PDB file of all heavy atoms in Angstrom:
ATOM      1  N   VAL A   1       0.844  -1.196   0.000  1.00  0.00           N
ATOM      2  CA  VAL A   1       0.000   0.000   0.000  1.00  0.00           C
ATOM      3  C   VAL A   1       0.882   1.250   0.000  1.00  0.00           C
ATOM      4  O   VAL A   1       1.810   1.369   0.795  1.00  0.00           O
ATOM      5  CB  VAL A   1      -0.941   0.021   1.227  1.00  0.00           C
ATOM      6  CG1 VAL A   1      -1.765   1.292   1.266  1.00  0.00           C
ATOM      7  CG2 VAL A   1      -1.840  -1.205   1.225  1.00  0.00           C
ATOM      8  N   ILE A   2       0.572   2.184  -0.889  1.00  0.00           N
ATOM      9  CA  ILE A   2       1.288   3.451  -0.940  1.00  0.00           C
ATOM     10  C   ILE A   2       0.913   4.265   0.294  1.00  0.00           C
ATOM     11  O   ILE A   2      -0.262   4.357   0.660  1.00  0.00           O
ATOM     12  CB  ILE A   2       0.927   4.239  -2.218  1.00  0.00           C
ATOM     13  CG1 ILE A   2       1.389   3.461  -3.447  1.00  0.00           C
ATOM     14  CG2 ILE A   2       1.518   5.646  -2.199  1.00  0.00           C
ATOM     15  CD1 ILE A   2       0.849   4.014  -4.747  1.00  0.00           C
ATOM     16  N   TRP A   3       1.907   4.847   0.928  1.00  0.00           N
ATOM     17  CA  TRP A   3       1.641   5.683   2.091  1.00  0.00           C
ATOM     18  C   TRP A   3       2.619   6.845   2.108  1.00  0.00           C
ATOM     19  O   TRP A   3       3.669   6.813   1.467  1.00  0.00           O
ATOM     20  CB  TRP A   3       1.721   4.882   3.389  1.00  0.00           C
ATOM     21  CG  TRP A   3       3.094   4.358   3.712  1.00  0.00           C
ATOM     22  CD1 TRP A   3       3.645   3.177   3.290  1.00  0.00           C
ATOM     23  CD2 TRP A   3       4.096   5.004   4.501  1.00  0.00           C
ATOM     24  NE1 TRP A   3       4.908   3.057   3.772  1.00  0.00           N
ATOM     25  CE2 TRP A   3       5.218   4.158   4.520  1.00  0.00           C
ATOM     26  CE3 TRP A   3       4.149   6.212   5.198  1.00  0.00           C
ATOM     27  CZ2 TRP A   3       6.382   4.480   5.211  1.00  0.00           C
ATOM     28  CZ3 TRP A   3       5.313   6.536   5.881  1.00  0.00           C
ATOM     29  CH2 TRP A   3       6.412   5.680   5.888  1.00  0.00           C
ATOM     30  N   GLU A   4       2.209   7.875   2.836  1.00  0.00           N
ATOM     31  CA  GLU A   4       3.094   9.019   3.053  1.00  0.00           C
ATOM     32  C   GLU A   4       2.815   9.583   4.436  1.00  0.00           C
ATOM     33  O   GLU A   4       1.794   9.270   5.045  1.00  0.00           O
ATOM     34  CB  GLU A   4       2.903  10.096   1.985  1.00  0.00           C
ATOM     35  CG  GLU A   4       1.536  10.733   1.976  1.00  0.00           C
ATOM     36  CD  GLU A   4       1.352  11.726   0.835  1.00  0.00           C
ATOM     37  OE1 GLU A   4       1.405  11.290  -0.331  1.00  0.00           O
ATOM     38  OE2 GLU A   4       1.148  12.924   1.125  1.00  0.00           O
ATOM     39  N   TYR A   5       3.751  10.390   4.919  1.00  0.00           N
ATOM     40  CA  TYR A   5       3.578  11.027   6.218  1.00  0.00           C
ATOM     41  C   TYR A   5       3.468  12.539   6.028  1.00  0.00           C
ATOM     42  O   TYR A   5       4.180  13.130   5.212  1.00  0.00           O
ATOM     43  CB  TYR A   5       4.761  10.736   7.156  1.00  0.00           C
ATOM     44  CG  TYR A   5       4.661  11.540   8.430  1.00  0.00           C
ATOM     45  CD1 TYR A   5       3.817  11.128   9.454  1.00  0.00           C
ATOM     46  CD2 TYR A   5       5.358  12.731   8.585  1.00  0.00           C
ATOM     47  CE1 TYR A   5       3.684  11.887  10.616  1.00  0.00           C
ATOM     48  CE2 TYR A   5       5.226  13.493   9.731  1.00  0.00           C
ATOM     49  CZ  TYR A   5       4.391  13.068  10.738  1.00  0.00           C
ATOM     50  OH  TYR A   5       4.247  13.828  11.874  1.00  0.00           O
ATOM     51  N   ALA A   6       2.588  13.161   6.789  1.00  0.00           N
ATOM     52  CA  ALA A   6       2.466  14.620   6.833  1.00  0.00           C
ATOM     53  C   ALA A   6       2.245  15.031   8.279  1.00  0.00           C
ATOM     54  O   ALA A   6       1.462  14.398   8.993  1.00  0.00           O
ATOM     55  CB  ALA A   6       1.305  15.084   5.967  1.00  0.00           C
ATOM     56  N   LYS A   7       2.936  16.054   8.695  1.00  0.00           N
ATOM     57  CA  LYS A   7       2.792  16.508  10.075  1.00  0.00           C
ATOM     58  C   LYS A   7       1.409  17.097  10.346  1.00  0.00           C
ATOM     59  O   LYS A   7       0.808  16.853  11.372  1.00  0.00           O
ATOM     60  CB  LYS A   7       3.881  17.538  10.386  1.00  0.00           C
ATOM     61  CG  LYS A   7       3.888  17.986  11.814  1.00  0.00           C
ATOM     62  CD  LYS A   7       5.064  18.885  12.115  1.00  0.00           C
ATOM     63  CE  LYS A   7       4.999  19.300  13.559  1.00  0.00           C
ATOM     64  NZ  LYS A   7       6.155  18.941  14.312  1.00  0.00           N
ATOM     65  N   ASN A   8       0.883  17.870   9.374  1.00  0.00           N
ATOM     66  CA  ASN A   8      -0.344  18.622   9.601  1.00  0.00           C
ATOM     67  C   ASN A   8      -1.510  18.084   8.772  1.00  0.00           C
ATOM     68  O   ASN A   8      -1.497  18.168   7.548  1.00  0.00           O
ATOM     69  CB  ASN A   8      -0.094  20.105   9.278  1.00  0.00           C
ATOM     70  CG  ASN A   8      -1.248  20.976   9.694  1.00  0.00           C
ATOM     71  OD1 ASN A   8      -2.356  20.815   9.199  1.00  0.00           O
ATOM     72  ND2 ASN A   8      -0.988  21.912  10.589  1.00  0.00           N
ATOM     73  N   THR A   9      -2.517  17.578   9.443  1.00  0.00           N
ATOM     74  CA  THR A   9      -3.691  16.992   8.779  1.00  0.00           C
ATOM     75  C   THR A   9      -4.474  18.042   7.990  1.00  0.00           C
ATOM     76  O   THR A   9      -4.925  17.761   6.873  1.00  0.00           O
ATOM     77  CB  THR A   9      -4.618  16.332   9.828  1.00  0.00           C
ATOM     78  OG1 THR A   9      -3.852  15.427  10.616  1.00  0.00           O
ATOM     79  CG2 THR A   9      -5.758  15.593   9.167  1.00  0.00           C
ATOM     80  N   ILE A  10      -4.625  19.232   8.548  1.00  0.00           N
ATOM     81  CA  ILE A  10      -5.407  20.285   7.878  1.00  0.00           C
ATOM     82  C   ILE A  10      -4.786  20.643   6.527  1.00  0.00           C
ATOM     83  O   ILE A  10      -5.500  20.824   5.533  1.00  0.00           O
ATOM     84  CB  ILE A  10      -5.531  21.547   8.774  1.00  0.00           C
ATOM     85  CG1 ILE A  10      -6.267  21.209  10.071  1.00  0.00           C
ATOM     86  CG2 ILE A  10      -6.228  22.684   8.026  1.00  0.00           C
ATOM     87  CD1 ILE A  10      -7.694  20.725   9.903  1.00  0.00           C
ATOM     88  N   ASP A  11      -3.470  20.735   6.468  1.00  0.00           N
ATOM     89  CA  ASP A  11      -2.799  21.047   5.200  1.00  0.00           C
ATOM     90  C   ASP A  11      -3.090  19.967   4.156  1.00  0.00           C
ATOM     91  O   ASP A  11      -3.351  20.274   2.987  1.00  0.00           O
ATOM     92  CB  ASP A  11      -1.284  21.178   5.388  1.00  0.00           C
ATOM     93  CG  ASP A  11      -0.888  22.401   6.204  1.00  0.00           C
ATOM     94  OD1 ASP A  11      -1.728  23.319   6.367  1.00  0.00           O
ATOM     95  OD2 ASP A  11       0.267  22.436   6.679  1.00  0.00           O
ATOM     96  N   ILE A  12      -3.061  18.721   4.572  1.00  0.00           N
ATOM     97  CA  ILE A  12      -3.342  17.604   3.658  1.00  0.00           C
ATOM     98  C   ILE A  12      -4.771  17.700   3.136  1.00  0.00           C
ATOM     99  O   ILE A  12      -5.028  17.582   1.940  1.00  0.00           O
ATOM    100  CB  ILE A  12      -3.109  16.251   4.366  1.00  0.00           C
ATOM    101  CG1 ILE A  12      -1.622  16.023   4.580  1.00  0.00           C
ATOM    102  CG2 ILE A  12      -3.738  15.097   3.612  1.00  0.00           C
ATOM    103  CD1 ILE A  12      -0.806  15.898   3.310  1.00  0.00           C
ATOM    104  N   ILE A  13      -5.721  17.927   4.026  1.00  0.00           N
ATOM    105  CA  ILE A  13      -7.133  18.015   3.632  1.00  0.00           C
ATOM    106  C   ILE A  13      -7.345  19.184   2.665  1.00  0.00           C
ATOM    107  O   ILE A  13      -8.038  19.047   1.656  1.00  0.00           O
ATOM    108  CB  ILE A  13      -8.034  18.132   4.875  1.00  0.00           C
ATOM    109  CG1 ILE A  13      -8.022  16.796   5.633  1.00  0.00           C
ATOM    110  CG2 ILE A  13      -9.450  18.546   4.501  1.00  0.00           C
ATOM    111  CD1 ILE A  13      -8.677  16.847   6.994  1.00  0.00           C
ATOM    112  N   THR A  14      -6.742  20.318   2.957  1.00  0.00           N
ATOM    113  CA  THR A  14      -6.857  21.492   2.080  1.00  0.00           C
ATOM    114  C   THR A  14      -6.351  21.160   0.680  1.00  0.00           C
ATOM    115  O   THR A  14      -7.007  21.473  -0.322  1.00  0.00           O
ATOM    116  CB  THR A  14      -6.078  22.685   2.678  1.00  0.00           C
ATOM    117  OG1 THR A  14      -6.619  22.980   3.966  1.00  0.00           O
ATOM    118  CG2 THR A  14      -6.171  23.909   1.783  1.00  0.00           C
ATOM    119  N   ASN A  15      -5.197  20.514   0.597  1.00  0.00           N
ATOM    120  CA  ASN A  15      -4.622  20.162  -0.706  1.00  0.00           C
ATOM    121  C   ASN A  15      -5.483  19.146  -1.452  1.00  0.00           C
ATOM    122  O   ASN A  15      -5.672  19.258  -2.663  1.00  0.00           O
ATOM    123  CB  ASN A  15      -3.201  19.633  -0.545  1.00  0.00           C
ATOM    124  CG  ASN A  15      -2.233  20.721  -0.123  1.00  0.00           C
ATOM    125  OD1 ASN A  15      -2.469  21.906  -0.358  1.00  0.00           O
ATOM    126  ND2 ASN A  15      -1.148  20.334   0.509  1.00  0.00           N
ATOM    127  N   LEU A  16      -6.009  18.157  -0.743  1.00  0.00           N
ATOM    128  CA  LEU A  16      -6.864  17.159  -1.389  1.00  0.00           C
ATOM    129  C   LEU A  16      -8.128  17.797  -1.949  1.00  0.00           C
ATOM    130  O   LEU A  16      -8.562  17.470  -3.054  1.00  0.00           O
ATOM    131  CB  LEU A  16      -7.200  16.027  -0.419  1.00  0.00           C
ATOM    132  CG  LEU A  16      -6.046  15.109  -0.033  1.00  0.00           C
ATOM    133  CD1 LEU A  16      -6.477  14.142   1.069  1.00  0.00           C
ATOM    134  CD2 LEU A  16      -5.522  14.350  -1.231  1.00  0.00           C
ATOM    135  N   LYS A  17      -8.727  18.715  -1.200  1.00  0.00           N
ATOM    136  CA  LYS A  17      -9.929  19.407  -1.678  1.00  0.00           C
ATOM    137  C   LYS A  17      -9.626  20.204  -2.939  1.00  0.00           C
ATOM    138  O   LYS A  17     -10.431  20.239  -3.869  1.00  0.00           O
ATOM    139  CB  LYS A  17     -10.496  20.314  -0.589  1.00  0.00           C
ATOM    140  CG  LYS A  17     -11.226  19.558   0.511  1.00  0.00           C
ATOM    141  CD  LYS A  17     -11.793  20.531   1.530  1.00  0.00           C
ATOM    142  CE  LYS A  17     -12.641  19.815   2.545  1.00  0.00           C
ATOM    143  NZ  LYS A  17     -13.262  20.749   3.504  1.00  0.00           N
ATOM    144  N   LYS A  18      -8.455  20.829  -2.996  1.00  0.00           N
ATOM    145  CA  LYS A  18      -8.044  21.579  -4.188  1.00  0.00           C
ATOM    146  C   LYS A  18      -7.914  20.657  -5.400  1.00  0.00           C
ATOM    147  O   LYS A  18      -8.107  21.084  -6.523  1.00  0.00           O
ATOM    148  CB  LYS A  18      -6.720  22.299  -3.942  1.00  0.00           C
ATOM    149  CG  LYS A  18      -6.841  23.516  -3.062  1.00  0.00           C
ATOM    150  CD  LYS A  18      -5.484  24.162  -2.829  1.00  0.00           C
ATOM    151  CE  LYS A  18      -5.589  25.314  -1.851  1.00  0.00           C
ATOM    152  NZ  LYS A  18      -4.259  25.852  -1.508  1.00  0.00           N
ATOM    153  N   GLU A  19      -7.581  19.388  -5.147  1.00  0.00           N
ATOM    154  CA  GLU A  19      -7.451  18.394  -6.219  1.00  0.00           C
ATOM    155  C   GLU A  19      -8.800  17.795  -6.617  1.00  0.00           C
ATOM    156  O   GLU A  19      -8.859  16.909  -7.458  1.00  0.00           O
ATOM    157  CB  GLU A  19      -6.510  17.270  -5.780  1.00  0.00           C
ATOM    158  CG  GLU A  19      -5.081  17.697  -5.570  1.00  0.00           C
ATOM    159  CD  GLU A  19      -4.227  16.588  -4.971  1.00  0.00           C
ATOM    160  OE1 GLU A  19      -4.615  15.393  -5.055  1.00  0.00           O
ATOM    161  OE2 GLU A  19      -3.173  16.908  -4.403  1.00  0.00           O
ATOM    162  N   GLY A  20      -9.873  18.253  -5.986  1.00  0.00           N
ATOM    163  CA  GLY A  20     -11.201  17.753  -6.315  1.00  0.00           C
ATOM    164  C   GLY A  20     -11.589  16.480  -5.589  1.00  0.00           C
ATOM    165  O   GLY A  20     -12.520  15.781  -5.986  1.00  0.00           O
ATOM    166  N   ILE A  21     -10.904  16.183  -4.513  1.00  0.00           N
ATOM    167  CA  ILE A  21     -11.206  14.990  -3.729  1.00  0.00           C
ATOM    168  C   ILE A  21     -12.200  15.360  -2.628  1.00  0.00           C
ATOM    169  O   ILE A  21     -12.019  16.343  -1.902  1.00  0.00           O
ATOM    170  CB  ILE A  21      -9.923  14.378  -3.145  1.00  0.00           C
ATOM    171  CG1 ILE A  21      -9.034  13.915  -4.310  1.00  0.00           C
ATOM    172  CG2 ILE A  21     -10.230  13.238  -2.183  1.00  0.00           C
ATOM    173  CD1 ILE A  21      -7.678  13.415  -3.914  1.00  0.00           C
ATOM    174  N   TYR A  22     -13.267  14.576  -2.514  1.00  0.00           N
ATOM    175  CA  TYR A  22     -14.305  14.795  -1.512  1.00  0.00           C
ATOM    176  C   TYR A  22     -13.802  14.217  -0.193  1.00  0.00           C
ATOM    177  O   TYR A  22     -13.428  13.041  -0.124  1.00  0.00           O
ATOM    178  CB  TYR A  22     -15.582  14.096  -1.959  1.00  0.00           C
ATOM    179  CG  TYR A  22     -16.802  14.435  -1.151  1.00  0.00           C
ATOM    180  CD1 TYR A  22     -17.570  15.554  -1.465  1.00  0.00           C
ATOM    181  CD2 TYR A  22     -17.198  13.640  -0.082  1.00  0.00           C
ATOM    182  CE1 TYR A  22     -18.703  15.867  -0.730  1.00  0.00           C
ATOM    183  CE2 TYR A  22     -18.322  13.944   0.653  1.00  0.00           C
ATOM    184  CZ  TYR A  22     -19.072  15.060   0.327  1.00  0.00           C
ATOM    185  OH  TYR A  22     -20.187  15.370   1.061  1.00  0.00           O
ATOM    186  N   VAL A  23     -13.776  15.026   0.855  1.00  0.00           N
ATOM    187  CA  VAL A  23     -13.214  14.604   2.143  1.00  0.00           C
ATOM    188  C   VAL A  23     -14.331  14.443   3.166  1.00  0.00           C
ATOM    189  O   VAL A  23     -15.165  15.335   3.334  1.00  0.00           O
ATOM    190  CB  VAL A  23     -12.177  15.623   2.651  1.00  0.00           C
ATOM    191  CG1 VAL A  23     -11.607  15.191   3.993  1.00  0.00           C
ATOM    192  CG2 VAL A  23     -11.056  15.819   1.629  1.00  0.00           C
ATOM    193  N   ILE A  24     -14.333  13.284   3.827  1.00  0.00           N
ATOM    194  CA  ILE A  24     -15.276  13.052   4.926  1.00  0.00           C
ATOM    195  C   ILE A  24     -14.496  12.566   6.141  1.00  0.00           C
ATOM    196  O   ILE A  24     -13.395  12.014   6.013  1.00  0.00           O
ATOM    197  CB  ILE A  24     -16.368  12.015   4.573  1.00  0.00           C
ATOM    198  CG1 ILE A  24     -15.760  10.639   4.288  1.00  0.00           C
ATOM    199  CG2 ILE A  24     -17.206  12.482   3.408  1.00  0.00           C
ATOM    200  CD1 ILE A  24     -16.768   9.529   4.224  1.00  0.00           C
ATOM    201  N   ALA A  25     -15.046  12.792   7.310  1.00  0.00           N
ATOM    202  CA  ALA A  25     -14.471  12.273   8.547  1.00  0.00           C
ATOM    203  C   ALA A  25     -15.462  11.297   9.155  1.00  0.00           C
ATOM    204  O   ALA A  25     -16.669  11.558   9.162  1.00  0.00           O
ATOM    205  CB  ALA A  25     -14.180  13.410   9.522  1.00  0.00           C
ATOM    206  N   ILE A  26     -14.958  10.200   9.625  1.00  0.00           N
ATOM    207  CA  ILE A  26     -15.812   9.242  10.327  1.00  0.00           C
ATOM    208  C   ILE A  26     -15.632   9.503  11.816  1.00  0.00           C
ATOM    209  O   ILE A  26     -14.539   9.366  12.354  1.00  0.00           O
ATOM    210  CB  ILE A  26     -15.454   7.789   9.957  1.00  0.00           C
ATOM    211  CG1 ILE A  26     -15.723   7.568   8.469  1.00  0.00           C
ATOM    212  CG2 ILE A  26     -16.231   6.816  10.835  1.00  0.00           C
ATOM    213  CD1 ILE A  26     -15.416   6.185   7.979  1.00  0.00           C
ATOM    214  N   GLU A  27     -16.709   9.941  12.436  1.00  0.00           N
ATOM    215  CA  GLU A  27     -16.641  10.353  13.831  1.00  0.00           C
ATOM    216  C   GLU A  27     -18.002  10.190  14.488  1.00  0.00           C
ATOM    217  O   GLU A  27     -19.035  10.245  13.815  1.00  0.00           O
ATOM    218  CB  GLU A  27     -16.190  11.814  13.906  1.00  0.00           C
ATOM    219  CG  GLU A  27     -15.860  12.297  15.292  1.00  0.00           C
ATOM    220  CD  GLU A  27     -14.768  11.489  15.968  1.00  0.00           C
ATOM    221  OE1 GLU A  27     -13.591  11.775  15.759  1.00  0.00           O
ATOM    222  OE2 GLU A  27     -15.123  10.543  16.705  1.00  0.00           O
ATOM    223  N   GLN A  28     -18.008  10.010  15.779  1.00  0.00           N
ATOM    224  CA  GLN A  28     -19.251   9.909  16.544  1.00  0.00           C
ATOM    225  C   GLN A  28     -19.504  11.253  17.214  1.00  0.00           C
ATOM    226  O   GLN A  28     -18.904  11.564  18.238  1.00  0.00           O
ATOM    227  CB  GLN A  28     -19.143   8.811  17.599  1.00  0.00           C
ATOM    228  CG  GLN A  28     -18.941   7.440  17.006  1.00  0.00           C
ATOM    229  CD  GLN A  28     -18.652   6.395  18.069  1.00  0.00           C
ATOM    230  OE1 GLN A  28     -18.106   6.687  19.113  1.00  0.00           O
ATOM    231  NE2 GLN A  28     -19.026   5.160  17.773  1.00  0.00           N
ATOM    232  N   THR A  29     -20.379  12.055  16.598  1.00  0.00           N
ATOM    233  CA  THR A  29     -20.740  13.352  17.169  1.00  0.00           C
ATOM    234  C   THR A  29     -22.252  13.530  17.080  1.00  0.00           C
ATOM    235  O   THR A  29     -22.932  12.814  16.346  1.00  0.00           O
ATOM    236  CB  THR A  29     -20.073  14.532  16.409  1.00  0.00           C
ATOM    237  OG1 THR A  29     -20.664  14.643  15.119  1.00  0.00           O
ATOM    238  CG2 THR A  29     -18.577  14.353  16.291  1.00  0.00           C
ATOM    239  N   GLU A  30     -22.753  14.513  17.777  1.00  0.00           N
ATOM    240  CA  GLU A  30     -24.194  14.771  17.732  1.00  0.00           C
ATOM    241  C   GLU A  30     -24.639  15.291  16.369  1.00  0.00           C
ATOM    242  O   GLU A  30     -25.805  15.210  16.027  1.00  0.00           O
ATOM    243  CB  GLU A  30     -24.596  15.744  18.841  1.00  0.00           C
ATOM    244  CG  GLU A  30     -23.843  17.050  18.803  1.00  0.00           C
ATOM    245  CD  GLU A  30     -23.983  17.857  20.083  1.00  0.00           C
ATOM    246  OE1 GLU A  30     -24.399  17.296  21.109  1.00  0.00           O
ATOM    247  OE2 GLU A  30     -23.686  19.054  20.031  1.00  0.00           O
ATOM    248  N   CYS A  31     -23.704  15.811  15.574  1.00  0.00           N
ATOM    249  CA  CYS A  31     -24.035  16.324  14.236  1.00  0.00           C
ATOM    250  C   CYS A  31     -23.739  15.306  13.132  1.00  0.00           C
ATOM    251  O   CYS A  31     -23.930  15.597  11.953  1.00  0.00           O
ATOM    252  CB  CYS A  31     -23.247  17.595  13.950  1.00  0.00           C
ATOM    253  SG  CYS A  31     -23.592  18.924  15.106  1.00  0.00           S
ATOM    254  N   ALA A  32     -23.275  14.138  13.503  1.00  0.00           N
ATOM    255  CA  ALA A  32     -22.865  13.142  12.515  1.00  0.00           C
ATOM    256  C   ALA A  32     -24.061  12.621  11.717  1.00  0.00           C
ATOM    257  O   ALA A  32     -25.176  12.531  12.220  1.00  0.00           O
ATOM    258  CB  ALA A  32     -22.166  11.976  13.205  1.00  0.00           C
ATOM    259  N   LYS A  33     -23.783  12.278  10.467  1.00  0.00           N
ATOM    260  CA  LYS A  33     -24.790  11.658   9.606  1.00  0.00           C
ATOM    261  C   LYS A  33     -24.577  10.147   9.685  1.00  0.00           C
ATOM    262  O   LYS A  33     -23.458   9.659   9.558  1.00  0.00           O
ATOM    263  CB  LYS A  33     -24.596  12.148   8.170  1.00  0.00           C
ATOM    264  CG  LYS A  33     -25.667  11.730   7.223  1.00  0.00           C
ATOM    265  CD  LYS A  33     -25.419  12.378   5.865  1.00  0.00           C
ATOM    266  CE  LYS A  33     -26.714  12.554   5.144  1.00  0.00           C
ATOM    267  NZ  LYS A  33     -26.552  13.272   3.897  1.00  0.00           N
ATOM    268  N   SER A  34     -25.630   9.419   9.892  1.00  0.00           N
ATOM    269  CA  SER A  34     -25.544   7.969   9.978  1.00  0.00           C
ATOM    270  C   SER A  34     -25.005   7.389   8.664  1.00  0.00           C
ATOM    271  O   SER A  34     -25.383   7.849   7.580  1.00  0.00           O
ATOM    272  CB  SER A  34     -26.926   7.392  10.276  1.00  0.00           C
ATOM    273  OG  SER A  34     -26.863   5.986  10.336  1.00  0.00           O
ATOM    274  N   LEU A  35     -24.126   6.408   8.756  1.00  0.00           N
ATOM    275  CA  LEU A  35     -23.546   5.809   7.551  1.00  0.00           C
ATOM    276  C   LEU A  35     -24.605   5.249   6.605  1.00  0.00           C
ATOM    277  O   LEU A  35     -24.450   5.309   5.390  1.00  0.00           O
ATOM    278  CB  LEU A  35     -22.554   4.707   7.930  1.00  0.00           C
ATOM    279  CG  LEU A  35     -21.206   5.182   8.447  1.00  0.00           C
ATOM    280  CD1 LEU A  35     -20.358   3.992   8.894  1.00  0.00           C
ATOM    281  CD2 LEU A  35     -20.467   5.996   7.415  1.00  0.00           C
ATOM    282  N   ASN A  36     -25.693   4.716   7.156  1.00  0.00           N
ATOM    283  CA  ASN A  36     -26.724   4.154   6.274  1.00  0.00           C
ATOM    284  C   ASN A  36     -27.544   5.248   5.572  1.00  0.00           C
ATOM    285  O   ASN A  36     -28.347   4.954   4.699  1.00  0.00           O
ATOM    286  CB  ASN A  36     -27.635   3.184   7.029  1.00  0.00           C
ATOM    287  CG  ASN A  36     -28.420   3.845   8.137  1.00  0.00           C
ATOM    288  OD1 ASN A  36     -28.167   4.989   8.508  1.00  0.00           O
ATOM    289  ND2 ASN A  36     -29.370   3.124   8.694  1.00  0.00           N
ATOM    290  N   LYS A  37     -27.327   6.519   5.937  1.00  0.00           N
ATOM    291  CA  LYS A  37     -28.001   7.631   5.269  1.00  0.00           C
ATOM    292  C   LYS A  37     -27.043   8.441   4.404  1.00  0.00           C
ATOM    293  O   LYS A  37     -27.427   9.426   3.798  1.00  0.00           O
ATOM    294  CB  LYS A  37     -28.657   8.550   6.304  1.00  0.00           C
ATOM    295  CG  LYS A  37     -29.782   7.874   7.058  1.00  0.00           C
ATOM    296  CD  LYS A  37     -30.384   8.802   8.081  1.00  0.00           C
ATOM    297  CE  LYS A  37     -31.484   8.059   8.826  1.00  0.00           C
ATOM    298  NZ  LYS A  37     -32.000   8.834   9.949  1.00  0.00           N
ATOM    299  N   PHE A  38     -25.790   8.025   4.357  1.00  0.00           N
ATOM    300  CA  PHE A  38     -24.779   8.754   3.602  1.00  0.00           C
ATOM    301  C   PHE A  38     -24.674   8.189   2.193  1.00  0.00           C
ATOM    302  O   PHE A  38     -24.545   6.992   1.999  1.00  0.00           O
ATOM    303  CB  PHE A  38     -23.420   8.646   4.301  1.00  0.00           C
ATOM    304  CG  PHE A  38     -22.323   9.366   3.574  1.00  0.00           C
ATOM    305  CD1 PHE A  38     -22.250  10.745   3.597  1.00  0.00           C
ATOM    306  CD2 PHE A  38     -21.372   8.658   2.871  1.00  0.00           C
ATOM    307  CE1 PHE A  38     -21.240  11.414   2.933  1.00  0.00           C
ATOM    308  CE2 PHE A  38     -20.356   9.316   2.195  1.00  0.00           C
ATOM    309  CZ  PHE A  38     -20.286  10.693   2.225  1.00  0.00           C
ATOM    310  N   ASN A  39     -24.760   9.070   1.197  1.00  0.00           N
ATOM    311  CA  ASN A  39     -24.598   8.668  -0.199  1.00  0.00           C
ATOM    312  C   ASN A  39     -23.188   9.016  -0.653  1.00  0.00           C
ATOM    313  O   ASN A  39     -22.789  10.186  -0.577  1.00  0.00           O
ATOM    314  CB  ASN A  39     -25.617   9.378  -1.090  1.00  0.00           C
ATOM    315  CG  ASN A  39     -27.022   8.939  -0.774  1.00  0.00           C
ATOM    316  OD1 ASN A  39     -27.290   7.755  -0.614  1.00  0.00           O
ATOM    317  ND2 ASN A  39     -27.930   9.893  -0.671  1.00  0.00           N
ATOM    318  N   LEU A  40     -22.465   8.021  -1.120  1.00  0.00           N
ATOM    319  CA  LEU A  40     -21.109   8.262  -1.594  1.00  0.00           C
ATOM    320  C   LEU A  40     -21.122   9.143  -2.832  1.00  0.00           C
ATOM    321  O   LEU A  40     -21.927   8.929  -3.743  1.00  0.00           O
ATOM    322  CB  LEU A  40     -20.418   6.934  -1.926  1.00  0.00           C
ATOM    323  CG  LEU A  40     -19.983   6.089  -0.746  1.00  0.00           C
ATOM    324  CD1 LEU A  40     -19.485   4.736  -1.217  1.00  0.00           C
ATOM    325  CD2 LEU A  40     -18.897   6.798   0.046  1.00  0.00           C
ATOM    326  N   PRO A  41     -20.234  10.118  -2.889  1.00  0.00           N
ATOM    327  CA  PRO A  41     -20.159  10.973  -4.078  1.00  0.00           C
ATOM    328  C   PRO A  41     -19.532  10.201  -5.239  1.00  0.00           C
ATOM    329  O   PRO A  41     -18.813   9.220  -5.028  1.00  0.00           O
ATOM    330  CB  PRO A  41     -19.250  12.119  -3.630  1.00  0.00           C
ATOM    331  CG  PRO A  41     -18.387  11.507  -2.576  1.00  0.00           C
ATOM    332  CD  PRO A  41     -19.258  10.487  -1.884  1.00  0.00           C
ATOM    333  N   ASN A  42     -19.791  10.648  -6.431  1.00  0.00           N
ATOM    334  CA  ASN A  42     -19.229  10.010  -7.616  1.00  0.00           C
ATOM    335  C   ASN A  42     -17.923  10.718  -7.990  1.00  0.00           C
ATOM    336  O   ASN A  42     -17.802  11.290  -9.064  1.00  0.00           O
ATOM    337  CB  ASN A  42     -20.234  10.051  -8.774  1.00  0.00           C
ATOM    338  CG  ASN A  42     -19.809   9.153  -9.908  1.00  0.00           C
ATOM    339  OD1 ASN A  42     -18.968   8.266  -9.734  1.00  0.00           O
ATOM    340  ND2 ASN A  42     -20.354   9.376 -11.079  1.00  0.00           N
ATOM    341  N   GLN A  43     -16.982  10.713  -7.067  1.00  0.00           N
ATOM    342  CA  GLN A  43     -15.670  11.323  -7.270  1.00  0.00           C
ATOM    343  C   GLN A  43     -14.707  10.688  -6.274  1.00  0.00           C
ATOM    344  O   GLN A  43     -15.139  10.020  -5.333  1.00  0.00           O
ATOM    345  CB  GLN A  43     -15.751  12.847  -7.078  1.00  0.00           C
ATOM    346  CG  GLN A  43     -16.049  13.280  -5.648  1.00  0.00           C
ATOM    347  CD  GLN A  43     -16.329  14.759  -5.528  1.00  0.00           C
ATOM    348  OE1 GLN A  43     -17.446  15.175  -5.710  1.00  0.00           O
ATOM    349  NE2 GLN A  43     -15.297  15.536  -5.223  1.00  0.00           N
TER     350      GLN A  43
END
């Protein structure tokens, strides 16, 4: 598996979004959307 290291997560996310990559976080919060209600983007 290809892997890389980056010190700062926010910088990585910012760059990925600029490349047109849809970014999601999997987390348990009161604002979270249930996985069974989440539609994967076509990108």
